[in-house]
Amino acid sequence: MSLRLHRRDLLILEALALRIRLVGQRQAAESFWAGHLANARRRLTQLVQSGFLIRAIVNAQPLPELLAPVLRWQPGQPDPDTQQVSFQLQSRWRYRALRPTVVFFATESTIGQFGGRERSRTLVTQTTHDLGVTSVWLRFYQESTSSAQLWVGEDILAPSRVGQKLPDAALVNSHGDPILLIEFGGSYGPQRVKDFHDDASARQLPYQLW
């Protein structure tokens, strides 16, 4: 007997196909199961058993609390102080050692079902970053469902960004054109912050750096 998908299931599967690369078990529990980890684990396991998701245990750093972007910029504003921005990004990672983390990916069939694009599996070294991107999307979802629906992930954006820097995500208009770039800054150094800013500035696109 096939698993009957509920609205919450479809939201998570669509997000993993089109918007984010993975979701942590605790992230899902806190955002969609009111913090009830056992209930989240039970349902996510059913989605794995039914072929919708893949479960993995990876090493990742605990994320800092992401309440607002470290930097918001739009055309016409002065260039940011990249040294200061980098210091803010890097200082939040002190004393955050790697620890085993349960995560879930969409299967290839799920990605295809929602019109996503085939992608390579997230690199182990990139897991913390991708969990950070997920945390930002969840923040958008909690604050504005409509904005979260405009969010398009890096893997979907890639074919249209040949020769350009690829942000982690973008909010797009009805034509699929970016109207706001989203980047999880991780622990970026000043040069990486500058490179991201310069690309956005050259194309006159506002951005948020989290």
C-alpha atoms as a PDB file:
ATOM      1  CA  MET A   1       0.000   0.000   0.000  1.00  0.00           C
ATOM      2  CA  SER A   2       1.471   3.347  -1.062  1.00  0.00           C
ATOM      3  CA  LEU A   3       1.968   6.093   1.482  1.00  0.00           C
ATOM      4  CA  ARG A   4      -0.660   8.802   1.427  1.00  0.00           C
ATOM      5  CA  LEU A   5       1.093  12.157   1.264  1.00  0.00           C
ATOM      6  CA  HIS A   6      -0.192  15.013   3.388  1.00  0.00           C
ATOM      7  CA  ARG A   7       0.292  18.743   2.827  1.00  0.00           C
ATOM      8  CA  ARG A   8       3.302  18.830   5.157  1.00  0.00           C
ATOM      9  CA  ASP A   9       4.920  15.930   3.303  1.00  0.00           C
ATOM     10  CA  LEU A  10       4.439  17.673  -0.046  1.00  0.00           C
ATOM     11  CA  LEU A  11       5.901  20.907   1.316  1.00  0.00           C
ATOM     12  CA  ILE A  12       9.046  19.139   2.524  1.00  0.00           C
ATOM     13  CA  LEU A  13       9.459  17.086  -0.653  1.00  0.00           C
ATOM     14  CA  GLU A  14       8.964  20.095  -2.926  1.00  0.00           C
ATOM     15  CA  ALA A  15      11.478  22.095  -0.913  1.00  0.00           C
ATOM     16  CA  LEU A  16      14.080  19.326  -1.175  1.00  0.00           C
ATOM     17  CA  ALA A  17      13.484  19.042  -4.918  1.00  0.00           C
ATOM     18  CA  LEU A  18      13.519  22.728  -5.816  1.00  0.00           C
ATOM     19  CA  ARG A  19      14.730  24.935  -2.984  1.00  0.00           C
ATOM     20  CA  ILE A  20      17.214  23.236  -0.632  1.00  0.00           C
ATOM     21  CA  ARG A  21      19.582  20.277  -0.847  1.00  0.00           C
ATOM     22  CA  LEU A  22      18.897  18.621   2.480  1.00  0.00           C
ATOM     23  CA  VAL A  23      17.132  19.082   5.791  1.00  0.00           C
ATOM     24  CA  GLY A  24      18.320  18.099   9.244  1.00  0.00           C
ATOM     25  CA  GLN A  25      16.039  15.899  11.314  1.00  0.00           C
ATOM     26  CA  ARG A  26      15.978  18.449  14.132  1.00  0.00           C
ATOM     27  CA  GLN A  27      15.381  21.294  11.691  1.00  0.00           C
ATOM     28  CA  ALA A  28      12.357  19.465  10.320  1.00  0.00           C
ATOM     29  CA  ALA A  29      11.044  18.636  13.779  1.00  0.00           C
ATOM     30  CA  GLU A  30      11.312  22.213  14.996  1.00  0.00           C
ATOM     31  CA  SER A  31       9.771  23.742  11.868  1.00  0.00           C
ATOM     32  CA  PHE A  32       7.052  21.258  10.913  1.00  0.00           C
ATOM     33  CA  TRP A  33       6.342  19.120  13.995  1.00  0.00           C
ATOM     34  CA  ALA A  34       6.335  21.836  16.695  1.00  0.00           C
ATOM     35  CA  GLY A  35       9.595  20.447  18.092  1.00  0.00           C
ATOM     36  CA  HIS A  36       8.333  16.860  18.510  1.00  0.00           C
ATOM     37  CA  LEU A  37      11.398  14.925  17.384  1.00  0.00           C
ATOM     38  CA  ALA A  38       9.839  11.450  17.732  1.00  0.00           C
ATOM     39  CA  ASN A  39       6.894  12.393  15.488  1.00  0.00           C
ATOM     40  CA  ALA A  40       9.201  13.923  12.900  1.00  0.00           C
ATOM     41  CA  ARG A  41      11.491  10.881  12.941  1.00  0.00           C
ATOM     42  CA  ARG A  42       8.543   8.517  12.497  1.00  0.00           C
ATOM     43  CA  ARG A  43       7.098  10.336   9.481  1.00  0.00           C
ATOM     44  CA  LEU A  44      10.446  10.995   7.809  1.00  0.00           C
ATOM     45  CA  THR A  45      11.292   7.306   8.190  1.00  0.00           C
ATOM     46  CA  GLN A  46       8.030   6.435   6.426  1.00  0.00           C
ATOM     47  CA  LEU A  47       8.980   8.779   3.577  1.00  0.00           C
ATOM     48  CA  VAL A  48      12.349   7.019   3.344  1.00  0.00           C
ATOM     49  CA  GLN A  49      10.728   3.584   3.306  1.00  0.00           C
ATOM     50  CA  SER A  50       8.358   4.719   0.564  1.00  0.00           C
ATOM     51  CA  GLY A  51      11.218   5.898  -1.656  1.00  0.00           C
ATOM     52  CA  PHE A  52      10.719   9.643  -1.346  1.00  0.00           C
ATOM     53  CA  LEU A  53      13.737  10.462   0.828  1.00  0.00           C
ATOM     54  CA  ILE A  54      17.244   9.227   1.616  1.00  0.00           C
ATOM     55  CA  ARG A  55      18.462   9.289   5.221  1.00  0.00           C
ATOM     56  CA  ALA A  56      22.123   9.825   6.119  1.00  0.00           C
ATOM     57  CA  ILE A  57      24.228  10.560   9.178  1.00  0.00           C
ATOM     58  CA  VAL A  58      26.920  13.142   8.505  1.00  0.00           C
ATOM     59  CA  ASN A  59      29.293  15.265  10.551  1.00  0.00           C
ATOM     60  CA  ALA A  60      28.260  18.909  10.734  1.00  0.00           C
ATOM     61  CA  GLN A  61      28.794  21.903  12.985  1.00  0.00           C
ATOM     62  CA  PRO A  62      25.818  23.108  15.037  1.00  0.00           C
ATOM     63  CA  LEU A  63      24.455  26.207  13.354  1.00  0.00           C
ATOM     64  CA  PRO A  64      24.432  29.624  14.984  1.00  0.00           C
ATOM     65  CA  GLU A  65      20.995  31.154  15.469  1.00  0.00           C
ATOM     66  CA  LEU A  66      20.007  32.841  12.202  1.00  0.00           C
ATOM     67  CA  LEU A  67      17.495  35.562  13.065  1.00  0.00           C
ATOM     68  CA  ALA A  68      18.419  38.123  10.404  1.00  0.00           C
ATOM     69  CA  PRO A  69      20.957  38.648   7.609  1.00  0.00           C
ATOM     70  CA  VAL A  70      24.433  39.776   8.587  1.00  0.00           C
ATOM     71  CA  LEU A  71      24.254  42.093   5.564  1.00  0.00           C
ATOM     72  CA  ARG A  72      21.435  43.441   3.419  1.00  0.00           C
ATOM     73  CA  TRP A  73      22.449  45.403   0.331  1.00  0.00           C
ATOM     74  CA  GLN A  74      20.663  46.947  -2.615  1.00  0.00           C
ATOM     75  CA  PRO A  75      21.839  48.978  -5.620  1.00  0.00           C
ATOM     76  CA  GLY A  76      22.582  52.587  -4.737  1.00  0.00           C
ATOM     77  CA  GLN A  77      23.926  51.791  -1.271  1.00  0.00           C
ATOM     78  CA  PRO A  78      27.646  52.102  -0.400  1.00  0.00           C
ATOM     79  CA  ASP A  79      29.865  49.056  -0.722  1.00  0.00           C
ATOM     80  CA  PRO A  80      30.024  47.095   2.532  1.00  0.00           C
ATOM     81  CA  ASP A  81      33.050  46.875   4.813  1.00  0.00           C
ATOM     82  CA  THR A  82      34.043  43.331   3.861  1.00  0.00           C
ATOM     83  CA  GLN A  83      36.520  43.011   6.742  1.00  0.00           C
ATOM     84  CA  GLN A  84      33.820  43.792   9.282  1.00  0.00           C
ATOM     85  CA  VAL A  85      31.269  41.535   7.606  1.00  0.00           C
ATOM     86  CA  SER A  86      33.775  38.682   7.492  1.00  0.00           C
ATOM     87  CA  PHE A  87      34.583  39.152  11.181  1.00  0.00           C
ATOM     88  CA  GLN A  88      30.877  38.876  12.042  1.00  0.00           C
ATOM     89  CA  LEU A  89      30.532  35.727   9.945  1.00  0.00           C
ATOM     90  CA  GLN A  90      33.608  33.999  11.340  1.00  0.00           C
ATOM     91  CA  SER A  91      33.176  34.911  15.005  1.00  0.00           C
ATOM     92  CA  ARG A  92      29.858  33.045  15.300  1.00  0.00           C
ATOM     93  CA  TRP A  93      31.534  29.651  14.720  1.00  0.00           C
ATOM     94  CA  ARG A  94      33.758  29.562  17.785  1.00  0.00           C
ATOM     95  CA  TYR A  95      33.495  26.408  19.883  1.00  0.00           C
ATOM     96  CA  ARG A  96      31.208  24.644  17.403  1.00  0.00           C
ATOM     97  CA  ALA A  97      32.764  21.214  16.906  1.00  0.00           C
ATOM     98  CA  LEU A  98      31.554  18.722  14.310  1.00  0.00           C
ATOM     99  CA  ARG A  99      28.968  16.238  15.541  1.00  0.00           C
ATOM    100  CA  PRO A 100      26.913  13.428  13.938  1.00  0.00           C
ATOM    101  CA  THR A 101      23.786  14.887  12.365  1.00  0.00           C
ATOM    102  CA  VAL A 102      20.819  13.073  10.805  1.00  0.00           C
ATOM    103  CA  VAL A 103      19.850  14.597   7.453  1.00  0.00           C
ATOM    104  CA  PHE A 104      17.431  13.780   4.632  1.00  0.00           C
ATOM    105  CA  PHE A 105      17.790  14.218   0.858  1.00  0.00           C
ATOM    106  CA  ALA A 106      15.199  13.873  -1.879  1.00  0.00           C
ATOM    107  CA  THR A 107      15.567  10.773  -4.053  1.00  0.00           C
ATOM    108  CA  GLU A 108      16.044  11.167  -7.807  1.00  0.00           C
ATOM    109  CA  SER A 109      12.441  10.127  -8.405  1.00  0.00           C
ATOM    110  CA  THR A 110      11.186  12.788  -5.972  1.00  0.00           C
ATOM    111  CA  ILE A 111      13.319  15.454  -7.644  1.00  0.00           C
ATOM    112  CA  GLY A 112      11.924  14.455 -11.030  1.00  0.00           C
ATOM    113  CA  GLN A 113       8.360  14.363  -9.750  1.00  0.00           C
ATOM    114  CA  PHE A 114       8.543  18.006  -8.696  1.00  0.00           C
ATOM    115  CA  GLY A 115      10.384  19.199 -11.794  1.00  0.00           C
ATOM    116  CA  GLY A 116      13.800  19.571 -10.190  1.00  0.00           C
ATOM    117  CA  ARG A 117      17.172  18.837 -11.787  1.00  0.00           C
ATOM    118  CA  GLU A 118      19.446  15.886 -11.153  1.00  0.00           C
ATOM    119  CA  ARG A 119      22.266  16.855  -8.825  1.00  0.00           C
ATOM    120  CA  SER A 120      25.375  15.391  -7.294  1.00  0.00           C
ATOM    121  CA  ARG A 121      25.201  14.381  -3.635  1.00  0.00           C
ATOM    122  CA  THR A 122      26.227  17.089  -1.190  1.00  0.00           C
ATOM    123  CA  LEU A 123      29.908  16.879  -0.298  1.00  0.00           C
ATOM    124  CA  VAL A 124      30.573  15.968   3.327  1.00  0.00           C
ATOM    125  CA  THR A 125      32.632  19.150   3.699  1.00  0.00           C
ATOM    126  CA  GLN A 126      29.656  21.173   2.476  1.00  0.00           C
ATOM    127  CA  THR A 127      27.018  19.722   4.790  1.00  0.00           C
ATOM    128  CA  THR A 128      27.178  22.480   7.405  1.00  0.00           C
ATOM    129  CA  HIS A 129      26.844  25.093   4.669  1.00  0.00           C
ATOM    130  CA  ASP A 130      23.841  23.361   3.126  1.00  0.00           C
ATOM    131  CA  LEU A 131      22.181  23.035   6.534  1.00  0.00           C
ATOM    132  CA  GLY A 132      22.734  26.772   6.922  1.00  0.00           C
ATOM    133  CA  VAL A 133      20.996  27.439   3.605  1.00  0.00           C
ATOM    134  CA  THR A 134      18.108  25.264   4.797  1.00  0.00           C
ATOM    135  CA  SER A 135      17.915  27.253   8.020  1.00  0.00           C
ATOM    136  CA  VAL A 136      17.640  30.489   6.027  1.00  0.00           C
ATOM    137  CA  TRP A 137      14.874  29.044   3.836  1.00  0.00           C
ATOM    138  CA  LEU A 138      13.016  27.939   6.954  1.00  0.00           C
ATOM    139  CA  ARG A 139      13.316  31.477   8.300  1.00  0.00           C
ATOM    140  CA  PHE A 140      11.780  32.790   5.065  1.00  0.00           C
ATOM    141  CA  TYR A 141       9.034  30.184   5.313  1.00  0.00           C
ATOM    142  CA  GLN A 142       8.194  31.133   8.896  1.00  0.00           C
ATOM    143  CA  GLU A 143       8.100  34.855   8.113  1.00  0.00           C
ATOM    144  CA  SER A 144       6.470  34.829   4.668  1.00  0.00           C
ATOM    145  CA  THR A 145       5.169  31.721   2.954  1.00  0.00           C
ATOM    146  CA  SER A 146       4.753  33.660  -0.294  1.00  0.00           C
ATOM    147  CA  SER A 147       8.420  34.720  -0.307  1.00  0.00           C
ATOM    148  CA  ALA A 148       9.500  31.155   0.469  1.00  0.00           C
ATOM    149  CA  GLN A 149       7.587  30.008  -2.619  1.00  0.00           C
ATOM    150  CA  LEU A 150       9.630  32.406  -4.778  1.00  0.00           C
ATOM    151  CA  TRP A 151      12.858  30.810  -3.507  1.00  0.00           C
ATOM    152  CA  VAL A 152      14.790  28.838  -6.127  1.00  0.00           C
ATOM    153  CA  GLY A 153      17.795  26.800  -5.046  1.00  0.00           C
ATOM    154  CA  GLU A 154      21.322  26.771  -6.404  1.00  0.00           C
ATOM    155  CA  ASP A 155      20.898  23.569  -8.423  1.00  0.00           C
ATOM    156  CA  ILE A 156      17.886  24.978 -10.283  1.00  0.00           C
ATOM    157  CA  LEU A 157      19.650  28.301 -10.901  1.00  0.00           C
ATOM    158  CA  ALA A 158      22.879  26.744 -12.192  1.00  0.00           C
ATOM    159  CA  PRO A 159      21.990  26.356 -15.908  1.00  0.00           C
ATOM    160  CA  SER A 160      21.031  30.041 -16.172  1.00  0.00           C
ATOM    161  CA  ARG A 161      24.192  31.291 -14.443  1.00  0.00           C
ATOM    162  CA  VAL A 162      26.899  30.093 -16.841  1.00  0.00           C
ATOM    163  CA  GLY A 163      29.947  32.331 -16.425  1.00  0.00           C
ATOM    164  CA  GLN A 164      28.446  34.045 -13.372  1.00  0.00           C
ATOM    165  CA  LYS A 165      28.824  33.427  -9.664  1.00  0.00           C
ATOM    166  CA  LEU A 166      26.167  31.092  -8.345  1.00  0.00           C
ATOM    167  CA  PRO A 167      24.349  32.190  -5.178  1.00  0.00           C
ATOM    168  CA  ASP A 168      22.926  29.639  -2.761  1.00  0.00           C
ATOM    169  CA  ALA A 169      19.438  30.725  -3.791  1.00  0.00           C
ATOM    170  CA  ALA A 170      17.425  33.567  -5.263  1.00  0.00           C
ATOM    171  CA  LEU A 171      13.908  34.876  -5.081  1.00  0.00           C
ATOM    172  CA  VAL A 172      12.634  35.031  -8.653  1.00  0.00           C
ATOM    173  CA  ASN A 173       9.790  36.817 -10.420  1.00  0.00           C
ATOM    174  CA  SER A 174       7.106  35.251 -12.618  1.00  0.00           C
ATOM    175  CA  HIS A 175       9.580  35.124 -15.521  1.00  0.00           C
ATOM    176  CA  GLY A 176      12.164  33.262 -13.461  1.00  0.00           C
ATOM    177  CA  ASP A 177      14.492  36.264 -13.222  1.00  0.00           C
ATOM    178  CA  PRO A 178      16.277  36.837  -9.881  1.00  0.00           C
ATOM    179  CA  ILE A 179      14.970  39.757  -7.837  1.00  0.00           C
ATOM    180  CA  LEU A 180      16.912  39.010  -4.625  1.00  0.00           C
ATOM    181  CA  LEU A 181      20.055  36.925  -4.150  1.00  0.00           C
ATOM    182  CA  ILE A 182      20.461  34.818  -1.007  1.00  0.00           C
ATOM    183  CA  GLU A 183      23.803  33.603   0.321  1.00  0.00           C
ATOM    184  CA  PHE A 184      24.671  31.752   3.515  1.00  0.00           C
ATOM    185  CA  GLY A 185      27.990  33.325   4.425  1.00  0.00           C
ATOM    186  CA  GLY A 186      29.252  30.483   6.606  1.00  0.00           C
ATOM    187  CA  SER A 187      32.685  31.664   7.744  1.00  0.00           C
ATOM    188  CA  TYR A 188      33.585  33.551   4.554  1.00  0.00           C
ATOM    189  CA  GLY A 189      36.778  35.558   4.478  1.00  0.00           C
ATOM    190  CA  PRO A 190      36.829  39.197   3.286  1.00  0.00           C
ATOM    191  CA  GLN A 191      37.712  38.307  -0.314  1.00  0.00           C
ATOM    192  CA  ARG A 192      34.837  35.877  -0.657  1.00  0.00           C
ATOM    193  CA  VAL A 193      32.413  38.444   0.747  1.00  0.00           C
ATOM    194  CA  LYS A 194      33.807  40.985  -1.741  1.00  0.00           C
ATOM    195  CA  ASP A 195      33.502  38.600  -4.686  1.00  0.00           C
ATOM    196  CA  PHE A 196      29.866  37.894  -3.870  1.00  0.00           C
ATOM    197  CA  HIS A 197      29.106  41.598  -3.451  1.00  0.00           C
ATOM    198  CA  ASP A 198      30.921  42.596  -6.639  1.00  0.00           C
ATOM    199  CA  ASP A 199      28.962  40.077  -8.699  1.00  0.00           C
ATOM    200  CA  ALA A 200      25.621  41.251  -7.306  1.00  0.00           C
ATOM    201  CA  SER A 201      26.593  44.885  -7.704  1.00  0.00           C
ATOM    202  CA  ALA A 202      27.687  44.393 -11.322  1.00  0.00           C
ATOM    203  CA  ARG A 203      24.274  42.939 -12.148  1.00  0.00           C
ATOM    204  CA  GLN A 204      22.434  45.501 -10.010  1.00  0.00           C
ATOM    205  CA  LEU A 205      20.754  42.879  -7.849  1.00  0.00           C
ATOM    206  CA  PRO A 206      19.945  43.290  -4.146  1.00  0.00           C
ATOM    207  CA  TYR A 207      21.050  40.538  -1.810  1.00  0.00           C
ATOM    208  CA  GLN A 208      20.996  39.161   1.699  1.00  0.00           C
ATOM    209  CA  LEU A 209      24.103  37.586   3.200  1.00  0.00           C
ATOM    210  CA  TRP A 210      23.275  35.410   6.217  1.00  0.00           C
END
